[in-house]
Amino acid sequence: QRNSAAGQEIERLLLGPGPRMGSNKKKEVIGMEAWQEKLDAVNISKEDLNCLVLNFLVIEGYKDTAEKFAKESCTKADVDLNSIGDRMQIRAAVHHGNIADAIERVNDLNPEILETNVGLLFKLQQQRLIEMIREGKVQEALGFVQEELLTLCENNSDLLFELETTLSLLAFENLSTQGADFGADDGGKQQLPSELKQLLEPSFRHKTATSLNAAILASQDQDKESKLPLLLKMLVWVQEQLSKHAKFPKIDNLVSAKFKVDSTEEDGEHEGENDELPLLSAMEEDEIEVERNVPRGVTNMYMQA
């Protein structure tokens, strides 16, 4: 119901006053010239845009660039930019498999981050176990499980299942050659199951690093993710909703922000020349909870883009 109301509000804001268009009525066609006039009528402050850019640089960890941008644009950061360096060192440590170093740095930064988040601590210790098994340190890995991981899994069947899955890696050799066939004890070749292979992929480290980075940001009262990707997702959603009510020039390439005119329009306009890249994959409506007061802000963002 919220999504339906949002779609109607978007229609009202963009298409102007008038009767609501039903599903059995012809879609209104908005040509490029009329659409451009609507865009020109929207005003977004440079200060807001600067804040969005700085937010992206801070959250993604571009410390030097964030400092220079904040200075040159006279934009005040919401956080101490020096904290970015600590966060990036921690993230880099996880990416390189130096989990013990990452945990030590997190505890130096704020011990409550891991003390209050058992699931995250388990993920880090699980990654540490994976690195031991990858390096062939079997006895050290088994001792580590007894001393650190079993306690975290108490009364939590999900974590215990993840631990058991991880320990299954011990049945394979030469794990440092991830992605290839793995030799078995009998000298034959044995393919690592997909559920185990993913534990050795760089993407698994990245996922752990992302979760840890989000927890650090939350502890500093910062956004867990930058606003720009969210706005782009909402832009795609807005276009999909508006397409149900009208035909209008759409942004076909989010990188270039060029428009593509619907080829089925009846005003004789043709498609643009920017057909080389498809639009982002359609976002399910349940990914973003759209409140009644969202459409105006989203529409303004879309107009500026």
C-alpha atoms as a PDB file:
ATOM      1  CA  GLN A   1       0.000   0.000   0.000  1.00  0.00           C
ATOM      2  CA  ARG A   2       2.885   2.367   0.787  1.00  0.00           C
ATOM      3  CA  ASN A   3       4.481   1.621  -2.583  1.00  0.00           C
ATOM      4  CA  SER A   4       1.178   2.278  -4.351  1.00  0.00           C
ATOM      5  CA  ALA A   5       0.732   5.575  -2.537  1.00  0.00           C
ATOM      6  CA  ALA A   6       4.318   6.509  -3.329  1.00  0.00           C
ATOM      7  CA  GLY A   7       3.774   5.793  -7.010  1.00  0.00           C
ATOM      8  CA  GLN A   8       0.689   8.020  -7.046  1.00  0.00           C
ATOM      9  CA  GLU A   9       2.560  10.805  -5.285  1.00  0.00           C
ATOM     10  CA  ILE A  10       5.431  10.570  -7.779  1.00  0.00           C
ATOM     11  CA  GLU A  11       2.915  10.768 -10.604  1.00  0.00           C
ATOM     12  CA  ARG A  12       1.308  13.858  -9.077  1.00  0.00           C
ATOM     13  CA  LEU A  13       4.626  15.620  -8.527  1.00  0.00           C
ATOM     14  CA  LEU A  14       6.051  14.909 -11.971  1.00  0.00           C
ATOM     15  CA  LEU A  15       2.982  14.974 -14.177  1.00  0.00           C
ATOM     16  CA  GLY A  16       1.127  17.763 -12.441  1.00  0.00           C
ATOM     17  CA  PRO A  17      -2.468  17.942 -11.184  1.00  0.00           C
ATOM     18  CA  GLY A  18      -5.217  16.016 -12.886  1.00  0.00           C
ATOM     19  CA  PRO A  19      -7.137  12.771 -12.634  1.00  0.00           C
ATOM     20  CA  ARG A  20      -5.265   9.645 -11.643  1.00  0.00           C
ATOM     21  CA  MET A  21      -4.385   7.339 -14.495  1.00  0.00           C
ATOM     22  CA  GLY A  22      -5.890   3.892 -14.175  1.00  0.00           C
ATOM     23  CA  SER A  23      -4.359   0.722 -15.522  1.00  0.00           C
ATOM     24  CA  ASN A  24      -6.870   0.694 -18.386  1.00  0.00           C
ATOM     25  CA  LYS A  25      -6.027   4.217 -19.508  1.00  0.00           C
ATOM     26  CA  LYS A  26      -3.447   5.305 -21.994  1.00  0.00           C
ATOM     27  CA  LYS A  27      -0.081   6.327 -20.569  1.00  0.00           C
ATOM     28  CA  GLU A  28       0.854   9.967 -20.851  1.00  0.00           C
ATOM     29  CA  VAL A  29       3.847  10.619 -23.084  1.00  0.00           C
ATOM     30  CA  ILE A  30       6.430  13.187 -21.999  1.00  0.00           C
ATOM     31  CA  GLY A  31       8.883  14.243 -24.686  1.00  0.00           C
ATOM     32  CA  MET A  32      12.505  15.224 -24.141  1.00  0.00           C
ATOM     33  CA  GLU A  33      11.867  18.960 -24.309  1.00  0.00           C
ATOM     34  CA  ALA A  34       9.052  18.856 -21.753  1.00  0.00           C
ATOM     35  CA  TRP A  35      11.084  16.549 -19.537  1.00  0.00           C
ATOM     36  CA  GLN A  36      14.069  18.921 -19.674  1.00  0.00           C
ATOM     37  CA  GLU A  37      11.837  21.793 -18.585  1.00  0.00           C
ATOM     38  CA  LYS A  38      10.804  19.795 -15.544  1.00  0.00           C
ATOM     39  CA  LEU A  39      14.445  19.076 -14.748  1.00  0.00           C
ATOM     40  CA  ASP A  40      15.392  22.733 -15.075  1.00  0.00           C
ATOM     41  CA  ALA A  41      12.686  23.647 -12.585  1.00  0.00           C
ATOM     42  CA  VAL A  42      14.245  21.522  -9.840  1.00  0.00           C
ATOM     43  CA  ASN A  43      16.760  23.181  -7.541  1.00  0.00           C
ATOM     44  CA  ILE A  44      19.268  21.210  -5.461  1.00  0.00           C
ATOM     45  CA  SER A  45      21.819  23.092  -3.412  1.00  0.00           C
ATOM     46  CA  LYS A  46      25.515  22.675  -4.043  1.00  0.00           C
ATOM     47  CA  GLU A  47      25.980  22.267  -0.295  1.00  0.00           C
ATOM     48  CA  ASP A  48      23.785  19.157  -0.289  1.00  0.00           C
ATOM     49  CA  LEU A  49      25.705  17.684  -3.207  1.00  0.00           C
ATOM     50  CA  ASN A  50      29.020  18.383  -1.470  1.00  0.00           C
ATOM     51  CA  CYS A  51      27.767  16.623   1.657  1.00  0.00           C
ATOM     52  CA  LEU A  52      26.787  13.573  -0.405  1.00  0.00           C
ATOM     53  CA  VAL A  53      30.215  13.399  -2.026  1.00  0.00           C
ATOM     54  CA  LEU A  54      32.007  13.821   1.297  1.00  0.00           C
ATOM     55  CA  ASN A  55      29.803  11.166   2.881  1.00  0.00           C
ATOM     56  CA  PHE A  56      30.818   8.735   0.129  1.00  0.00           C
ATOM     57  CA  LEU A  57      34.531   9.501   0.548  1.00  0.00           C
ATOM     58  CA  VAL A  58      34.381   9.102   4.332  1.00  0.00           C
ATOM     59  CA  ILE A  59      32.377   5.867   4.381  1.00  0.00           C
ATOM     60  CA  GLU A  60      34.472   4.282   1.622  1.00  0.00           C
ATOM     61  CA  GLY A  61      37.691   5.286   3.362  1.00  0.00           C
ATOM     62  CA  TYR A  62      39.295   7.772   0.980  1.00  0.00           C
ATOM     63  CA  LYS A  63      40.925   9.765   3.776  1.00  0.00           C
ATOM     64  CA  ASP A  64      43.290  12.008   1.797  1.00  0.00           C
ATOM     65  CA  THR A  65      40.697  12.774  -0.844  1.00  0.00           C
ATOM     66  CA  ALA A  66      38.058  13.469   1.825  1.00  0.00           C
ATOM     67  CA  GLU A  67      40.368  15.923   3.601  1.00  0.00           C
ATOM     68  CA  LYS A  68      41.173  17.788   0.384  1.00  0.00           C
ATOM     69  CA  PHE A  69      37.554  17.836  -0.750  1.00  0.00           C
ATOM     70  CA  ALA A  70      36.305  19.075   2.640  1.00  0.00           C
ATOM     71  CA  LYS A  71      38.866  21.872   2.601  1.00  0.00           C
ATOM     72  CA  GLU A  72      38.338  22.974  -1.009  1.00  0.00           C
ATOM     73  CA  SER A  73      34.538  22.793  -0.868  1.00  0.00           C
ATOM     74  CA  CYS A  74      34.304  24.287   2.640  1.00  0.00           C
ATOM     75  CA  THR A  75      32.241  21.281   3.716  1.00  0.00           C
ATOM     76  CA  LYS A  76      32.319  20.271   7.362  1.00  0.00           C
ATOM     77  CA  ALA A  77      32.692  16.553   8.010  1.00  0.00           C
ATOM     78  CA  ASP A  78      30.407  14.905  10.562  1.00  0.00           C
ATOM     79  CA  VAL A  79      33.277  12.849  11.983  1.00  0.00           C
ATOM     80  CA  ASP A  80      36.959  13.128  12.720  1.00  0.00           C
ATOM     81  CA  LEU A  81      38.606  12.351   9.389  1.00  0.00           C
ATOM     82  CA  ASN A  82      41.622  10.897  11.226  1.00  0.00           C
ATOM     83  CA  SER A  83      39.420   7.975  12.267  1.00  0.00           C
ATOM     84  CA  ILE A  84      39.240   6.886   8.621  1.00  0.00           C
ATOM     85  CA  GLY A  85      42.875   5.752   8.710  1.00  0.00           C
ATOM     86  CA  ASP A  86      42.312   3.371  11.636  1.00  0.00           C
ATOM     87  CA  ARG A  87      39.261   1.895   9.968  1.00  0.00           C
ATOM     88  CA  MET A  88      41.049   1.354   6.670  1.00  0.00           C
ATOM     89  CA  GLN A  89      44.008  -0.355   8.377  1.00  0.00           C
ATOM     90  CA  ILE A  90      41.589  -2.755  10.045  1.00  0.00           C
ATOM     91  CA  ARG A  91      39.795  -3.464   6.784  1.00  0.00           C
ATOM     92  CA  ALA A  92      43.087  -4.008   4.953  1.00  0.00           C
ATOM     93  CA  ALA A  93      44.225  -6.453   7.639  1.00  0.00           C
ATOM     94  CA  VAL A  94      41.106  -8.582   7.109  1.00  0.00           C
ATOM     95  CA  HIS A  95      41.506  -8.443   3.328  1.00  0.00           C
ATOM     96  CA  HIS A  96      45.053  -9.788   3.693  1.00  0.00           C
ATOM     97  CA  GLY A  97      44.033 -12.507   6.158  1.00  0.00           C
ATOM     98  CA  ASN A  98      45.728 -10.884   9.166  1.00  0.00           C
ATOM     99  CA  ILE A  99      42.744 -11.442  11.423  1.00  0.00           C
ATOM    100  CA  ALA A 100      44.579 -11.391  14.758  1.00  0.00           C
ATOM    101  CA  ASP A 101      46.012  -7.987  13.880  1.00  0.00           C
ATOM    102  CA  ALA A 102      42.561  -6.743  12.832  1.00  0.00           C
ATOM    103  CA  ILE A 103      40.986  -7.906  16.120  1.00  0.00           C
ATOM    104  CA  GLU A 104      43.752  -6.233  18.133  1.00  0.00           C
ATOM    105  CA  ARG A 105      43.278  -2.959  16.265  1.00  0.00           C
ATOM    106  CA  VAL A 106      39.494  -3.078  16.756  1.00  0.00           C
ATOM    107  CA  ASN A 107      39.901  -3.636  20.490  1.00  0.00           C
ATOM    108  CA  ASP A 108      42.357  -0.736  20.679  1.00  0.00           C
ATOM    109  CA  LEU A 109      39.862   1.452  18.834  1.00  0.00           C
ATOM    110  CA  ASN A 110      36.794   0.397  20.803  1.00  0.00           C
ATOM    111  CA  PRO A 111      36.656  -2.928  22.721  1.00  0.00           C
ATOM    112  CA  GLU A 112      32.855  -2.763  22.967  1.00  0.00           C
ATOM    113  CA  ILE A 113      32.493  -3.365  19.221  1.00  0.00           C
ATOM    114  CA  LEU A 114      33.343  -7.062  19.534  1.00  0.00           C
ATOM    115  CA  GLU A 115      32.300  -7.492  23.153  1.00  0.00           C
ATOM    116  CA  THR A 116      28.701  -6.654  22.261  1.00  0.00           C
ATOM    117  CA  ASN A 117      28.566  -8.454  18.905  1.00  0.00           C
ATOM    118  CA  VAL A 118      29.082 -12.188  19.255  1.00  0.00           C
ATOM    119  CA  GLY A 119      28.099 -12.887  15.654  1.00  0.00           C
ATOM    120  CA  LEU A 120      30.737 -10.514  14.304  1.00  0.00           C
ATOM    121  CA  LEU A 121      33.398 -11.865  16.671  1.00  0.00           C
ATOM    122  CA  PHE A 122      32.572 -15.381  15.479  1.00  0.00           C
ATOM    123  CA  LYS A 123      32.940 -14.296  11.840  1.00  0.00           C
ATOM    124  CA  LEU A 124      36.387 -12.886  12.557  1.00  0.00           C
ATOM    125  CA  GLN A 125      37.498 -15.966  14.511  1.00  0.00           C
ATOM    126  CA  GLN A 126      36.059 -18.186  11.784  1.00  0.00           C
ATOM    127  CA  GLN A 127      38.135 -16.290   9.226  1.00  0.00           C
ATOM    128  CA  ARG A 128      41.171 -16.720  11.459  1.00  0.00           C
ATOM    129  CA  LEU A 129      40.512 -20.473  11.570  1.00  0.00           C
ATOM    130  CA  ILE A 130      40.225 -20.568   7.789  1.00  0.00           C
ATOM    131  CA  GLU A 131      43.607 -18.883   7.425  1.00  0.00           C
ATOM    132  CA  MET A 132      45.200 -21.483   9.744  1.00  0.00           C
ATOM    133  CA  ILE A 133      43.699 -24.360   7.765  1.00  0.00           C
ATOM    134  CA  ARG A 134      44.711 -22.729   4.491  1.00  0.00           C
ATOM    135  CA  GLU A 135      48.321 -22.615   5.718  1.00  0.00           C
ATOM    136  CA  GLY A 136      48.212 -26.264   6.817  1.00  0.00           C
ATOM    137  CA  LYS A 137      48.430 -25.497  10.571  1.00  0.00           C
ATOM    138  CA  VAL A 138      46.118 -28.338  11.551  1.00  0.00           C
ATOM    139  CA  GLN A 139      47.076 -28.783  15.206  1.00  0.00           C
ATOM    140  CA  GLU A 140      47.073 -25.045  15.814  1.00  0.00           C
ATOM    141  CA  ALA A 141      43.642 -24.827  14.183  1.00  0.00           C
ATOM    142  CA  LEU A 142      42.187 -27.592  16.371  1.00  0.00           C
ATOM    143  CA  GLY A 143      43.561 -25.959  19.498  1.00  0.00           C
ATOM    144  CA  PHE A 144      42.150 -22.614  18.418  1.00  0.00           C
ATOM    145  CA  VAL A 145      38.699 -24.157  18.001  1.00  0.00           C
ATOM    146  CA  GLN A 146      38.805 -25.560  21.542  1.00  0.00           C
ATOM    147  CA  GLU A 147      40.047 -22.337  23.108  1.00  0.00           C
ATOM    148  CA  GLU A 148      38.124 -19.674  21.199  1.00  0.00           C
ATOM    149  CA  LEU A 149      35.356 -20.830  18.882  1.00  0.00           C
ATOM    150  CA  LEU A 150      33.452 -23.491  20.836  1.00  0.00           C
ATOM    151  CA  THR A 151      32.597 -20.963  23.541  1.00  0.00           C
ATOM    152  CA  LEU A 152      31.112 -18.591  20.975  1.00  0.00           C
ATOM    153  CA  CYS A 153      28.941 -21.413  19.578  1.00  0.00           C
ATOM    154  CA  GLU A 154      27.340 -22.366  22.885  1.00  0.00           C
ATOM    155  CA  ASN A 155      23.538 -22.395  22.612  1.00  0.00           C
ATOM    156  CA  ASN A 156      23.724 -21.229  19.003  1.00  0.00           C
ATOM    157  CA  SER A 157      23.055 -23.995  16.512  1.00  0.00           C
ATOM    158  CA  ASP A 158      23.595 -21.728  13.503  1.00  0.00           C
ATOM    159  CA  LEU A 159      27.121 -20.761  14.548  1.00  0.00           C
ATOM    160  CA  LEU A 160      27.885 -24.369  15.440  1.00  0.00           C
ATOM    161  CA  PHE A 161      26.806 -25.475  11.960  1.00  0.00           C
ATOM    162  CA  GLU A 162      29.066 -22.836  10.386  1.00  0.00           C
ATOM    163  CA  LEU A 163      31.959 -24.041  12.526  1.00  0.00           C
ATOM    164  CA  GLU A 164      31.403 -27.661  11.526  1.00  0.00           C
ATOM    165  CA  THR A 165      31.287 -26.639   7.868  1.00  0.00           C
ATOM    166  CA  THR A 166      34.551 -24.746   8.237  1.00  0.00           C
ATOM    167  CA  LEU A 167      36.230 -27.716   9.933  1.00  0.00           C
ATOM    168  CA  SER A 168      35.308 -29.824   6.902  1.00  0.00           C
ATOM    169  CA  LEU A 169      38.178 -28.051   5.130  1.00  0.00           C
ATOM    170  CA  LEU A 170      40.546 -30.234   7.153  1.00  0.00           C
ATOM    171  CA  ALA A 171      39.607 -33.177   4.924  1.00  0.00           C
ATOM    172  CA  PHE A 172      41.399 -31.547   1.987  1.00  0.00           C
ATOM    173  CA  GLU A 173      45.007 -30.795   1.200  1.00  0.00           C
ATOM    174  CA  ASN A 174      46.807 -28.042  -0.674  1.00  0.00           C
ATOM    175  CA  LEU A 175      44.164 -25.474   0.161  1.00  0.00           C
ATOM    176  CA  SER A 176      46.554 -22.656  -0.671  1.00  0.00           C
ATOM    177  CA  THR A 177      45.836 -23.445  -4.327  1.00  0.00           C
ATOM    178  CA  GLN A 178      42.228 -22.331  -3.960  1.00  0.00           C
ATOM    179  CA  GLY A 179      40.085 -22.513  -7.048  1.00  0.00           C
ATOM    180  CA  ALA A 180      41.907 -25.547  -8.493  1.00  0.00           C
ATOM    181  CA  ASP A 181      41.440 -29.292  -7.924  1.00  0.00           C
ATOM    182  CA  PHE A 182      42.494 -30.425  -4.477  1.00  0.00           C
ATOM    183  CA  GLY A 183      44.592 -33.538  -3.859  1.00  0.00           C
ATOM    184  CA  ALA A 184      43.170 -36.234  -1.573  1.00  0.00           C
ATOM    185  CA  ASP A 185      45.051 -38.617   0.708  1.00  0.00           C
ATOM    186  CA  ASP A 186      44.962 -41.367  -1.905  1.00  0.00           C
ATOM    187  CA  GLY A 187      46.861 -39.216  -4.367  1.00  0.00           C
ATOM    188  CA  GLY A 188      43.783 -38.632  -6.521  1.00  0.00           C
ATOM    189  CA  LYS A 189      42.087 -35.394  -7.408  1.00  0.00           C
ATOM    190  CA  GLN A 190      39.055 -34.241  -5.524  1.00  0.00           C
ATOM    191  CA  GLN A 191      36.981 -31.183  -6.276  1.00  0.00           C
ATOM    192  CA  LEU A 192      36.260 -28.964  -3.272  1.00  0.00           C
ATOM    193  CA  PRO A 193      32.485 -28.631  -2.706  1.00  0.00           C
ATOM    194  CA  SER A 194      31.111 -25.178  -3.510  1.00  0.00           C
ATOM    195  CA  GLU A 195      30.023 -24.508   0.091  1.00  0.00           C
ATOM    196  CA  LEU A 196      33.623 -25.029   1.194  1.00  0.00           C
ATOM    197  CA  LYS A 197      35.271 -23.396  -1.788  1.00  0.00           C
ATOM    198  CA  GLN A 198      33.515 -20.107  -1.055  1.00  0.00           C
ATOM    199  CA  LEU A 199      35.202 -20.009   2.361  1.00  0.00           C
ATOM    200  CA  LEU A 200      38.560 -19.727   0.613  1.00  0.00           C
ATOM    201  CA  GLU A 201      37.551 -17.090  -1.903  1.00  0.00           C
ATOM    202  CA  PRO A 202      38.715 -13.465  -1.484  1.00  0.00           C
ATOM    203  CA  SER A 203      35.034 -12.480  -1.499  1.00  0.00           C
ATOM    204  CA  PHE A 204      34.563 -14.255   1.848  1.00  0.00           C
ATOM    205  CA  ARG A 205      37.280 -12.091   3.404  1.00  0.00           C
ATOM    206  CA  HIS A 206      35.677  -9.072   1.801  1.00  0.00           C
ATOM    207  CA  LYS A 207      32.291  -9.938   3.290  1.00  0.00           C
ATOM    208  CA  THR A 208      33.827 -10.222   6.754  1.00  0.00           C
ATOM    209  CA  ALA A 209      35.695  -6.939   6.297  1.00  0.00           C
ATOM    210  CA  THR A 210      32.500  -5.208   5.186  1.00  0.00           C
ATOM    211  CA  SER A 211      30.595  -6.406   8.255  1.00  0.00           C
ATOM    212  CA  LEU A 212      33.397  -5.254  10.544  1.00  0.00           C
ATOM    213  CA  ASN A 213      33.622  -1.894   8.787  1.00  0.00           C
ATOM    214  CA  ALA A 214      29.875  -1.380   9.232  1.00  0.00           C
ATOM    215  CA  ALA A 215      30.139  -2.198  12.957  1.00  0.00           C
ATOM    216  CA  ILE A 216      32.949   0.321  13.409  1.00  0.00           C
ATOM    217  CA  LEU A 217      30.962   2.991  11.587  1.00  0.00           C
ATOM    218  CA  ALA A 218      27.906   2.264  13.754  1.00  0.00           C
ATOM    219  CA  SER A 219      30.021   2.614  16.907  1.00  0.00           C
ATOM    220  CA  GLN A 220      31.034   6.081  15.666  1.00  0.00           C
ATOM    221  CA  ASP A 221      27.413   7.056  14.943  1.00  0.00           C
ATOM    222  CA  GLN A 222      28.092   7.070  11.216  1.00  0.00           C
ATOM    223  CA  ASP A 223      26.103   5.589   8.353  1.00  0.00           C
ATOM    224  CA  LYS A 224      26.885   1.926   7.701  1.00  0.00           C
ATOM    225  CA  GLU A 225      26.964   2.589   3.970  1.00  0.00           C
ATOM    226  CA  SER A 226      27.318   5.693   1.854  1.00  0.00           C
ATOM    227  CA  LYS A 227      24.199   7.485   0.674  1.00  0.00           C
ATOM    228  CA  LEU A 228      25.084   7.665  -3.023  1.00  0.00           C
ATOM    229  CA  PRO A 229      24.543   3.935  -3.803  1.00  0.00           C
ATOM    230  CA  LEU A 230      21.224   4.069  -1.959  1.00  0.00           C
ATOM    231  CA  LEU A 231      20.139   7.105  -3.962  1.00  0.00           C
ATOM    232  CA  LEU A 232      21.014   5.359  -7.218  1.00  0.00           C
ATOM    233  CA  LYS A 233      18.952   2.341  -6.195  1.00  0.00           C
ATOM    234  CA  MET A 234      16.057   4.615  -5.332  1.00  0.00           C
ATOM    235  CA  LEU A 235      16.467   6.393  -8.682  1.00  0.00           C
ATOM    236  CA  VAL A 236      16.069   3.058 -10.488  1.00  0.00           C
ATOM    237  CA  TRP A 237      13.025   2.251  -8.380  1.00  0.00           C
ATOM    238  CA  VAL A 238      11.457   5.648  -9.127  1.00  0.00           C
ATOM    239  CA  GLN A 239      11.909   5.155 -12.865  1.00  0.00           C
ATOM    240  CA  GLU A 240      10.266   1.742 -12.651  1.00  0.00           C
ATOM    241  CA  GLN A 241       7.308   3.140 -10.715  1.00  0.00           C
ATOM    242  CA  LEU A 242       6.855   6.137 -12.997  1.00  0.00           C
ATOM    243  CA  SER A 243       7.027   3.896 -16.073  1.00  0.00           C
ATOM    244  CA  LYS A 244       3.764   2.326 -14.950  1.00  0.00           C
ATOM    245  CA  HIS A 245       2.042   5.672 -15.398  1.00  0.00           C
ATOM    246  CA  ALA A 246       3.862   7.459 -18.204  1.00  0.00           C
ATOM    247  CA  LYS A 247       6.403   7.218 -20.997  1.00  0.00           C
ATOM    248  CA  PHE A 248       9.305   9.548 -20.437  1.00  0.00           C
ATOM    249  CA  PRO A 249      13.058   9.863 -21.108  1.00  0.00           C
ATOM    250  CA  LYS A 250      14.860   7.446 -18.782  1.00  0.00           C
ATOM    251  CA  ILE A 251      18.452   7.374 -17.609  1.00  0.00           C
ATOM    252  CA  ASP A 252      19.760   4.336 -19.444  1.00  0.00           C
ATOM    253  CA  ASN A 253      23.370   4.615 -18.275  1.00  0.00           C
ATOM    254  CA  LEU A 254      23.900   5.662 -14.665  1.00  0.00           C
ATOM    255  CA  VAL A 255      27.571   6.441 -15.299  1.00  0.00           C
ATOM    256  CA  SER A 256      26.962   8.957 -18.081  1.00  0.00           C
ATOM    257  CA  ALA A 257      23.485   9.982 -16.808  1.00  0.00           C
ATOM    258  CA  LYS A 258      22.281  10.260 -20.390  1.00  0.00           C
ATOM    259  CA  PHE A 259      18.648   9.859 -21.306  1.00  0.00           C
ATOM    260  CA  LYS A 260      17.064   7.263 -23.528  1.00  0.00           C
ATOM    261  CA  VAL A 261      13.696   8.078 -25.045  1.00  0.00           C
ATOM    262  CA  ASP A 262      11.146   5.260 -25.038  1.00  0.00           C
ATOM    263  CA  SER A 263      11.025   3.911 -28.624  1.00  0.00           C
ATOM    264  CA  THR A 264       7.306   3.243 -28.302  1.00  0.00           C
ATOM    265  CA  GLU A 265       6.424   6.893 -27.742  1.00  0.00           C
ATOM    266  CA  GLU A 266       3.849   8.308 -30.111  1.00  0.00           C
ATOM    267  CA  ASP A 267       5.390  11.753 -30.508  1.00  0.00           C
ATOM    268  CA  GLY A 268       7.891  10.532 -33.082  1.00  0.00           C
ATOM    269  CA  GLU A 269      10.988  10.792 -30.895  1.00  0.00           C
ATOM    270  CA  HIS A 270      13.640   8.124 -31.241  1.00  0.00           C
ATOM    271  CA  GLU A 271      15.974   6.300 -28.911  1.00  0.00           C
ATOM    272  CA  GLY A 272      19.118   8.043 -27.766  1.00  0.00           C
ATOM    273  CA  GLU A 273      22.577   6.942 -28.735  1.00  0.00           C
ATOM    274  CA  ASN A 274      23.582   5.757 -25.267  1.00  0.00           C
ATOM    275  CA  ASP A 275      22.377   2.141 -25.521  1.00  0.00           C
ATOM    276  CA  GLU A 276      25.714   0.547 -24.759  1.00  0.00           C
ATOM    277  CA  LEU A 277      25.046  -0.295 -21.107  1.00  0.00           C
ATOM    278  CA  PRO A 278      21.843  -1.670 -19.587  1.00  0.00           C
ATOM    279  CA  LEU A 279      20.177  -0.072 -16.606  1.00  0.00           C
ATOM    280  CA  LEU A 280      20.959  -1.521 -13.187  1.00  0.00           C
ATOM    281  CA  SER A 281      19.114  -4.747 -12.451  1.00  0.00           C
ATOM    282  CA  ALA A 282      15.602  -4.174 -11.214  1.00  0.00           C
ATOM    283  CA  MET A 283      15.417  -3.739  -7.485  1.00  0.00           C
ATOM    284  CA  GLU A 284      12.710  -5.646  -5.653  1.00  0.00           C
ATOM    285  CA  GLU A 285      10.208  -3.329  -4.025  1.00  0.00           C
ATOM    286  CA  ASP A 286      10.773  -4.880  -0.625  1.00  0.00           C
ATOM    287  CA  GLU A 287      14.463  -3.893  -0.601  1.00  0.00           C
ATOM    288  CA  ILE A 288      13.612  -0.303   0.245  1.00  0.00           C
ATOM    289  CA  GLU A 289      10.771   0.590   2.544  1.00  0.00           C
ATOM    290  CA  VAL A 290       9.174   3.604   0.959  1.00  0.00           C
ATOM    291  CA  GLU A 291       7.396   5.937   3.335  1.00  0.00           C
ATOM    292  CA  ARG A 292       4.787   8.485   2.304  1.00  0.00           C
ATOM    293  CA  ASN A 293       7.279  11.349   2.631  1.00  0.00           C
ATOM    294  CA  VAL A 294       9.926   9.743   0.401  1.00  0.00           C
ATOM    295  CA  PRO A 295       8.741  10.546  -3.154  1.00  0.00           C
ATOM    296  CA  ARG A 296       9.442  14.279  -3.068  1.00  0.00           C
ATOM    297  CA  GLY A 297      13.039  13.830  -1.926  1.00  0.00           C
ATOM    298  CA  VAL A 298      13.598  10.926  -4.299  1.00  0.00           C
ATOM    299  CA  THR A 299      12.048  12.862  -7.151  1.00  0.00           C
ATOM    300  CA  ASN A 300      14.295  15.853  -6.532  1.00  0.00           C
ATOM    301  CA  MET A 301      17.313  13.556  -6.518  1.00  0.00           C
ATOM    302  CA  TYR A 302      16.166  11.949  -9.752  1.00  0.00           C
ATOM    303  CA  MET A 303      15.574  15.324 -11.381  1.00  0.00           C
ATOM    304  CA  GLN A 304      19.096  16.484 -10.516  1.00  0.00           C
ATOM    305  CA  ALA A 305      20.613  13.258 -11.927  1.00  0.00           C
END
